[in-house]
């Protein structure tokens, strides 16, 4: 069994348009609409629309160590930041 955790919506045509993401907070189960820099809570009934383009699913029996992921992301961000700083100087 899978749970829906995110959707990418596309509004427009094949040549142009705009993407908006709907994401679910896995701790609070609250859905959010991410439209550029504006993030707003939305109701579950508003999550899926005709503009849905990509669905993100997570298998229910998937066991994830979020602390380990956060640590790895932080390490990678710090490394990339150092490389970026070095290229600027």
Protein backbone atom coordinates (compact mmCIF):
# COMPACT_ATOMS: atom_id res chain seq x y z
CA UNK A 1 0.00 0.00 0.00
CA UNK A 2 1.24 3.51 -0.82
CA UNK A 3 0.52 6.98 0.57
CA UNK A 4 0.44 10.13 -1.50
CA UNK A 5 2.99 12.64 -0.14
CA UNK A 6 3.35 15.14 -2.96
CA UNK A 7 2.06 16.33 -6.31
CA UNK A 8 3.51 18.57 -8.98
CA UNK A 9 0.84 20.50 -10.87
CA UNK A 10 1.34 22.11 -14.27
CA UNK A 11 -0.84 24.97 -15.43
CA UNK A 12 -0.45 26.04 -19.05
CA UNK A 13 0.30 24.26 -22.30
CA UNK A 14 3.15 22.14 -23.66
CA UNK A 15 5.19 25.22 -24.61
CA UNK A 16 4.83 27.26 -21.45
CA UNK A 17 3.25 27.26 -18.06
CA UNK A 18 3.81 27.26 -14.35
CA UNK A 19 4.51 24.50 -11.84
CA UNK A 20 3.03 24.40 -8.34
CA UNK A 21 3.71 21.65 -5.79
CA UNK A 22 1.45 20.24 -3.10
CA UNK A 23 3.37 18.54 -0.28
CA UNK A 24 2.33 16.74 2.88
CA UNK A 25 4.06 17.23 6.22
CA UNK A 26 4.64 13.65 7.38
CA UNK A 27 4.54 14.64 11.06
CA UNK A 28 1.40 16.82 11.14
CA UNK A 29 -0.29 15.36 8.02
CA UNK A 30 -1.02 18.93 6.90
CA UNK A 31 -0.93 19.60 3.15
CA UNK A 32 0.76 22.69 1.75
CA UNK A 33 0.64 24.43 -1.61
CA UNK A 34 4.10 25.65 -2.68
CA UNK A 35 3.78 28.33 -5.34
CA UNK A 36 7.20 29.87 -5.86
CA UNK A 37 8.12 31.49 -2.53
CA UNK A 38 4.53 31.41 -1.16
CA UNK A 39 3.64 28.36 0.93
CA UNK A 40 0.08 28.06 2.23
CA UNK A 41 -1.82 25.30 4.03
CA UNK A 42 -4.56 23.63 1.97
CA UNK A 43 -7.37 21.17 2.69
CA UNK A 44 -6.94 17.54 1.70
CA UNK A 45 -9.82 17.91 -0.78
CA UNK A 46 -7.76 20.51 -2.68
CA UNK A 47 -4.66 18.34 -3.11
CA UNK A 48 -5.51 16.49 -6.34
CA UNK A 49 -6.74 18.51 -9.33
CA UNK A 50 -6.92 18.31 -13.11
CA UNK A 51 -3.54 20.06 -13.20
CA UNK A 52 -1.79 17.09 -11.48
CA UNK A 53 1.34 16.19 -13.46
CA UNK A 54 3.58 14.08 -11.19
CA UNK A 55 2.59 12.09 -8.08
CA UNK A 56 5.01 11.21 -5.26
CA UNK A 57 4.16 8.07 -3.32
CA UNK A 58 5.76 6.39 -0.30
CA UNK A 59 5.33 2.72 0.48
CA UNK A 60 3.68 2.35 3.91
CA UNK A 61 6.14 -0.27 5.15
CA UNK A 62 9.10 1.95 4.20
CA UNK A 63 11.28 2.54 7.26
CA UNK A 64 13.29 5.71 7.13
CA UNK A 65 15.83 7.14 9.55
CA UNK A 66 15.12 10.87 9.14
CA UNK A 67 17.94 11.85 11.52
CA UNK A 68 20.44 10.09 9.28
CA UNK A 69 18.98 11.78 6.19
CA UNK A 70 19.09 15.23 7.82
CA UNK A 71 22.71 14.65 8.81
CA UNK A 72 23.67 13.58 5.28
CA UNK A 73 21.84 16.54 3.71
CA UNK A 74 23.60 18.92 6.10
CA UNK A 75 27.00 17.39 5.25
CA UNK A 76 26.34 17.67 1.50
CA UNK A 77 25.08 21.24 1.82
CA UNK A 78 28.16 22.27 3.81
CA UNK A 79 30.44 20.59 1.25
CA UNK A 80 28.69 22.24 -1.72
CA UNK A 81 28.77 25.59 0.06
CA UNK A 82 32.53 25.30 0.59
CA UNK A 83 33.10 24.44 -3.08
CA UNK A 84 30.91 27.36 -4.16
CA UNK A 85 32.80 29.75 -1.85
CA UNK A 86 36.12 28.49 -3.22
CA UNK A 87 35.00 29.11 -6.83
CA UNK A 88 34.00 32.69 -5.99
CA UNK A 89 37.31 33.60 -4.32
